[in-house]
Every structure is written in structure tokens, then in C-alpha cells.
């Protein structure tokens, strides 16, 4: 016969974790679909069908919840990039792999959420610092990847890797903002197609040639 008594703390922790994930899901969807300006506690609660007051049981503020939504999405997407680019050794393959991943980034809403928070952090130092914490790993990953591929191509030393990484990450964010403004995401694919063609030309030139 099963013993009766208080539920285990493990069950409570699982329920608590599930609730927290539900809040993060709703925050991500609201930020992606409505933008930062409309991502209020009420809007997030409506998106997730829960009492908005629940947010403040798990998070200190709505901004903290929105940053956590970015953090989770950033971890997931960065892991995908790391797997996809791990074996890439040429500029042409790099551009192709990045193009595939960027499509997933856009489709998932991650780039939109990041762009919303970056744009909204300009006048909020605390939010800016929090968002920057989740941009730094992308800068570091981009620099490591570029350093490896560029070194293999014989083009190392032309431009500091840190500068190139900054330019690439900034370009992706800018593309999302402007393509959203124009309501034309085909521009991103066209730009990457052009980058692939340039990479193929560069890759065909022997080192020192």
C-alpha cells in the first residue's frame, strides 16, 4: 500500500520550473509579436493565459522576465550555431552555414527579440548591461569562428578579428531592424547570396596570390 503524506519537494520544484518556463514562453511571444513597448505584465499574462501578478512571484520586474526570455533563446540559438559551424573550414562554407542558421534565427523570433531589447536599452543603463551580457558570447563565438576560418584561408592579419566580429554581429542586428521596417526579409537572403559569391571568389585566390 502506498504511503500517504506530503508531496515530495521534487514535485513542487518541477511544477515551479514548469510555471517559470510558461512565463518565459509568454514573455518571448509577446516581445516577438508586440514589441518591447507593448510587452507589459498585462500583455504577457494575456498571451500566456495567467494572472500577471504571477510574474512578480518569479521575477523582480517585467524587464527581468524579458531579459530571461532573451537569455534562453540566445543559449538555444548559440548552441545551434556552434554545432553547425564546428567543422566549417572555408569562407564559402561559412557563409552558407550562417545563411541557413540565420533563417532559423529569424523564423524562431530570436533576432527580433534581440533587436527589440537592444533598441529599447538605449535609455536604460540597467537593461543595456543585462542585454550586453547576452551579446558578448555571440561576439566571442563570431571572433573564434572567423579567426579559425580566415587563418585557414591565408587571409589572417588583414583585419583584427575582434573588429570583424563586431561588424558581423552589428550587421545582423541592423539587417533585422531595417528588413522589419521595410517588411522585406528577402533582402537578407539576397545580401547573404551576394556574400557567398564574394566568399567563393576570395576562396579561389591562392594564399599570397
Foldseek 3Di string as FASTA:
>chain_A
DDDDDDDDVVVVVVVVVVVLVLLLVLQLVCCLPPFDVPSALVSSCVSSVHDSVVCVVPDVHSLRSLLVNLQVVLVVLVVVLCVQLVPDAAQLSNLVSVLVSVVVCVVVSNLSSLLRQCVVCPPPVVSNVSSVVSCVVQLVVQLVSCQRNCVSLQNPPPDRSSVVSVVVVVVSSVLVVVCVVVVHNVVVVVVSVVSSVVRVVSSVDHNVD
